[in-house]
Protein backbone atom coordinates (compact mmCIF):
# COMPACT_ATOMS: atom_id res chain seq x y z
CA MET A 1 72.52 105.40 106.49
CA ILE A 2 72.86 109.45 108.29
CA ASP A 3 74.11 112.17 107.23
CA ILE A 4 76.91 114.15 109.14
CA GLY A 5 77.71 118.07 108.03
CA LEU A 6 81.19 119.88 107.77
CA ASP A 7 80.07 122.08 109.83
CA ASP A 8 79.18 119.42 112.18
CA MET A 9 82.55 118.54 112.30
CA ARG A 10 83.89 121.75 113.06
CA ASN A 11 84.72 121.20 116.65
CA TRP A 12 85.52 117.40 116.45
CA PHE A 13 88.87 116.12 116.46
CA GLY A 14 90.74 113.66 113.65
CA PHE A 15 93.22 111.17 113.93
CA GLY A 16 94.02 108.04 112.54
CA VAL A 17 95.47 104.43 112.96
CA ALA A 18 98.56 103.39 111.15
CA GLY A 19 99.54 100.30 109.68
CA ASN A 20 96.04 98.65 110.68
CA PHE A 21 95.59 96.84 107.19
CA ALA A 22 99.06 94.40 106.31
CA GLY A 23 101.37 95.02 103.66
CA HIS A 24 99.98 99.07 103.64
CA LEU A 25 103.18 100.89 104.74
CA GLU A 26 105.74 98.83 102.75
CA GLN A 27 103.51 100.11 99.99
CA ALA A 28 103.24 103.29 100.48
CA GLY A 29 107.15 103.72 101.38
CA GLU A 30 106.64 103.86 105.35
CA ASP A 31 107.86 101.07 106.79
CA ALA A 32 111.17 102.70 107.55
CA ASP A 33 108.85 105.57 109.13
CA PHE A 34 108.14 103.02 112.51
CA VAL A 35 111.68 101.59 112.88
CA ASN A 36 111.85 102.73 115.90
CA VAL A 37 108.26 101.69 116.87
CA SER A 38 107.45 98.43 118.97
CA SER A 39 104.32 97.09 118.60
CA GLU A 40 102.83 93.50 119.58
CA GLY A 41 101.35 90.81 116.77
CA SER A 42 99.69 92.19 114.24
CA ALA A 43 98.56 95.50 115.93
CA PRO A 44 98.89 98.65 114.13
CA LYS A 45 101.80 101.35 114.79
CA GLY A 46 100.30 103.91 116.23
CA ILE A 47 97.64 106.52 115.61
CA PHE A 48 98.82 110.38 114.45
CA PRO A 49 96.44 113.62 114.67
CA TRP A 50 95.14 115.11 110.97
CA TYR A 51 92.84 118.09 113.33
CA ALA A 52 93.10 119.69 116.28
CA PRO A 53 90.62 122.11 116.69
CA GLY A 54 91.73 125.05 118.66
CA THR A 55 95.43 123.97 119.14
CA ASP A 56 98.10 127.03 118.03
CA SER A 57 99.34 124.90 114.93
CA PHE A 58 98.75 123.73 111.26
CA LEU A 59 96.44 121.23 112.39
CA SER A 60 93.81 123.71 113.41
CA GLU A 61 93.10 123.93 110.29
CA PHE A 62 89.77 122.54 109.04
CA PRO A 63 90.85 119.63 106.37
CA LEU A 64 87.78 118.13 105.75
CA SER A 65 86.07 118.12 102.32
CA THR A 66 82.74 115.69 100.80
CA ASP A 67 83.68 116.72 97.00
CA ALA A 68 87.64 118.42 96.57
CA VAL A 69 91.09 117.71 96.83
CA VAL A 70 92.34 120.64 96.92
CA LEU A 71 96.53 120.23 96.00
CA PRO A 72 99.05 122.44 98.18
CA ASP A 73 100.64 125.54 96.89
CA GLN A 74 104.09 123.95 97.44
CA THR A 75 105.00 121.00 98.98
CA ASP A 76 109.80 121.07 100.14
CA GLY A 77 110.01 117.79 97.85
CA PRO A 78 107.50 116.24 95.16
CA LEU A 79 103.55 116.76 94.77
CA ASN A 80 103.41 113.10 96.04
CA LEU A 81 99.71 112.69 96.75
CA GLN A 82 98.21 109.30 96.56
CA ILE A 83 94.56 108.53 98.22
CA GLU A 84 94.19 106.47 101.03
CA PRO A 85 91.04 104.55 101.17
CA GLU A 86 89.82 103.89 104.87
CA VAL A 87 87.08 104.20 106.94
CA GLY A 88 85.93 106.97 109.00
CA LEU A 89 84.41 106.10 112.46
CA ALA A 90 82.70 108.63 114.40
CA CYS A 91 82.42 108.13 117.83
CA GLN A 92 81.30 109.72 120.37
CA VAL A 93 84.09 110.97 123.45
CA VAL A 94 83.58 109.87 127.07
CA TRP A 95 86.12 111.31 129.30
CA ASP A 96 87.40 110.72 133.06
CA GLY A 97 89.31 114.17 133.75
CA ASP A 98 92.01 114.24 131.05
CA THR A 99 91.62 110.85 130.07
CA VAL A 100 89.20 109.49 127.10
CA VAL A 101 88.65 106.15 129.01
CA THR A 102 85.29 105.19 125.69
CA LEU A 103 84.85 105.53 122.60
CA ARG A 104 81.47 104.76 121.34
CA PRO A 105 80.43 104.76 117.71
CA PHE A 106 77.49 106.12 116.15
CA ALA A 107 78.66 106.10 112.41
CA LEU A 108 80.96 104.97 109.86
CA GLY A 109 81.62 105.91 106.06
CA ALA A 110 83.73 106.85 103.14
CA PHE A 111 86.81 108.30 104.26
CA ASN A 112 90.35 110.36 102.10
CA ASP A 113 93.26 109.82 104.11
CA CYS A 114 94.86 111.70 101.49
CA SER A 115 98.59 112.41 102.28
CA ILE A 116 101.81 113.97 100.76
CA ARG A 117 104.57 111.30 100.40
CA ARG A 118 107.38 113.26 102.43
CA PRO A 119 109.94 110.49 103.40
CA GLY A 120 112.22 111.32 106.00
CA ALA A 121 109.22 113.96 107.48
CA PRO A 122 110.00 114.34 111.24
CA LYS A 123 105.80 113.58 112.26
CA ILE A 124 103.28 111.26 110.50
CA SER A 125 100.44 114.06 110.95
CA HIS A 126 103.00 116.33 108.35
CA LYS A 127 101.70 115.06 105.92
CA LYS A 128 98.33 114.55 106.21
CA ASN A 129 97.19 118.04 106.57
CA TRP A 130 97.73 121.30 104.20
CA GLY A 131 95.16 123.25 104.13
CA PRO A 132 91.87 122.77 103.80
CA ALA A 133 90.29 120.16 101.22
CA SER A 134 93.41 118.20 102.27
CA LYS A 135 91.02 115.42 103.73
CA GLY A 136 88.16 113.98 102.71
CA VAL A 137 84.41 112.54 104.12
CA ALA A 138 81.52 111.24 102.82
CA PRO A 139 78.17 113.28 103.81
CA THR A 140 76.14 109.65 104.07
CA PHE A 141 77.34 107.44 106.49
CA PHE A 142 75.98 104.01 107.89
CA GLU A 143 74.71 104.32 111.11
CA ILE A 144 76.23 101.37 113.08
CA SER A 145 77.09 101.40 116.71
CA ASP A 146 77.46 97.65 116.66
CA LEU A 147 80.98 96.45 115.09
CA THR A 148 81.34 92.89 116.51
CA PRO A 149 83.06 90.45 113.55
CA ASP A 150 79.81 89.19 113.11
CA GLY A 151 77.08 91.83 113.83
CA PRO A 152 76.14 94.98 110.87
CA THR A 153 79.67 95.75 109.19
CA ALA A 154 80.17 92.00 108.26
CA THR A 155 78.57 92.68 105.42
CA LEU A 156 79.96 95.54 104.44
CA ARG A 157 83.25 96.46 102.04
CA LEU A 158 85.59 99.26 101.53
CA VAL A 159 86.90 100.03 97.41
CA CYS A 160 88.38 102.99 96.40
CA TYR A 161 88.57 104.11 92.61
CA LEU A 162 90.68 106.65 90.53
CA HIS A 163 89.26 108.69 87.82
CA SER A 164 92.00 109.87 85.39
CA ASP A 165 91.91 110.87 81.67
CA GLY A 166 88.96 109.51 80.79
CA GLU A 167 89.91 106.32 82.79
CA GLU A 168 88.19 104.80 85.61
CA HIS A 169 90.55 102.75 87.50
CA ALA A 170 90.30 100.18 90.12
CA TYR A 171 93.29 102.36 93.07
CA GLY A 172 92.33 100.20 96.48
CA VAL A 173 91.96 96.37 96.46
CA ASP A 174 88.70 95.74 97.58
CA SER A 175 88.09 94.41 101.23
CA PRO A 176 85.92 93.99 103.94
CA LEU A 177 86.38 95.59 106.86
CA ILE A 178 86.76 92.56 109.26
CA GLY A 179 89.73 92.31 106.91
CA TYR A 180 91.40 95.18 109.52
CA SER A 181 94.07 93.76 111.05
CA TYR A 182 92.53 95.20 114.59
CA TYR A 183 88.75 95.89 114.49
CA GLY A 184 85.35 96.48 116.69
CA GLU A 185 86.18 95.93 120.59
CA VAL A 186 89.55 95.56 120.20
CA LEU A 187 91.07 97.59 118.03
CA LEU A 188 88.46 100.32 120.07
CA ASP A 189 90.30 99.83 123.36
CA TRP A 190 93.68 99.43 121.77
CA ILE A 191 92.92 103.09 120.39
CA VAL A 192 91.96 104.65 124.28
CA GLU A 193 95.36 102.89 125.80
CA ARG A 194 96.83 104.46 123.10
CA LEU A 195 95.32 107.67 123.95
CA ALA A 196 96.99 107.51 127.27
CA ASN A 197 99.98 105.29 127.22
CA GLN A 198 101.00 107.11 123.40
CA LYS A 199 103.65 109.84 124.56
CA GLY A 200 105.67 110.06 120.78
CA SER A 201 109.43 110.54 121.02
CA ALA A 202 111.94 112.95 118.82
CA ASP A 203 112.64 109.05 117.12
CA THR A 204 109.44 108.25 115.41
CA PRO A 205 106.66 109.50 113.30
CA LEU A 206 104.38 109.80 116.86
CA GLU A 207 103.10 112.14 118.85
CA ASP A 208 100.85 112.70 121.77
CA VAL A 209 97.77 112.47 120.37
CA GLY A 210 95.72 112.26 123.70
CA ALA A 211 97.30 115.44 125.16
CA LEU A 212 95.98 117.07 121.98
CA MET A 213 92.61 116.23 122.47
CA VAL A 214 92.53 117.67 125.79
CA ALA A 215 94.53 121.16 123.84
CA SER A 216 91.03 121.28 121.94
CA GLY A 217 89.49 121.48 124.58
CA HIS A 218 88.41 117.76 124.96
CA PRO A 219 86.40 117.54 122.35
CA GLU A 220 82.80 115.32 122.23
CA ASN A 221 83.19 113.39 119.80
CA VAL A 222 86.28 112.33 117.20
CA LEU A 223 86.43 111.02 113.86
CA ILE A 224 88.94 108.59 113.45
CA GLY A 225 90.60 107.00 109.95
CA ILE A 226 91.33 103.43 111.11
CA GLY A 227 94.11 102.45 108.80
CA ALA A 228 94.26 102.45 104.94
CA THR A 229 93.76 99.20 103.14
CA ARG A 230 96.01 97.59 100.34
CA TYR A 231 96.76 99.80 96.88
CA THR A 232 96.25 97.55 92.96
CA PRO A 233 99.79 97.93 91.51
CA LEU A 234 97.84 100.99 89.81
CA GLY A 235 97.44 102.76 93.32
CA GLU A 236 100.52 102.19 94.88
CA SER A 237 103.08 103.81 91.61
CA THR A 238 100.12 106.61 90.57
CA PHE A 239 99.97 110.39 92.24
CA LEU A 240 96.74 112.12 92.17
CA LYS A 241 97.00 115.37 89.29
CA PRO A 242 94.75 118.24 89.00
CA GLY A 243 91.28 117.33 86.74
CA ASP A 244 91.53 114.03 88.24
CA ARG A 245 88.87 112.26 90.99
CA ALA A 246 89.04 109.97 93.91
CA ILE A 247 86.64 108.00 94.39
CA VAL A 248 86.50 105.29 98.15
CA ARG A 249 83.33 104.10 98.71
CA VAL A 250 81.46 101.78 101.66
CA TYR A 251 79.24 99.50 100.38
CA ASP A 252 76.86 96.94 102.01
CA THR A 253 76.95 93.19 99.47
CA GLU A 254 73.76 92.48 101.05
CA SER A 255 72.10 95.71 99.93
CA GLU A 256 71.89 98.65 98.06
CA ALA A 257 73.28 100.70 100.76
CA SER A 258 77.06 102.59 100.58
CA SER A 259 78.91 105.92 101.55
CA GLU A 260 80.83 107.22 98.53
CA LEU A 261 83.40 109.98 98.58
CA ASN A 262 83.96 111.37 95.28
CA GLN A 263 86.97 113.85 95.53
CA LEU A 264 88.10 116.13 92.48
CA VAL A 265 91.42 117.32 92.62
CA ARG A 266 91.70 120.46 92.19
């Protein structure tokens, strides 16, 4: 296990993978956002930014917390926030000029890609970063560089709970990491290709993430939310409220090791 402090991540770039677990987009009511996005087979829909340090946009606000979700002061609609239980993958970036040529994973841990459900939002990023403590990441990661399906992550699983009004409920379906549609080298190669070629357009919710990384000063490291798993029926229909606790855990079925995120909603 390895501890990675929030201050260490302030110069990292943050982005996510959309549609990398079968059924999640439909449960989140976001499948309609991607009607103009084509993807091959079981491939994810695309990548989206949630933290772009040094840029002149709302994405320059550092959104990560290890212990809190702070609700936005106001939104342009209902305050419907959901936990998005994910694996956060820490990678070193290898650049060739302005092009990312390789992503080298070195750690993974529990990540909450907390989202505001904003039907019709022009870009995914508009649902992702509303200021400090709008995202969650565990303070402790698994120190792992091998993501092969039969490698050291083969025994890892991802689970999510909501603690609300004195009761704990299963919020996300307990899922194996290798259950992601794209995982390991297949996922990393696909992300590198998307960073080079995904340009975004007005009729899709996607953006030119590669250009944003360049604008952020060619960051040496990235934190990638590799996709949210499926919700339980309660998770699909329940939004966060003050006083709740959002718990996301990556755990090893063959040991007691785990990466856990526990955030108080306020």
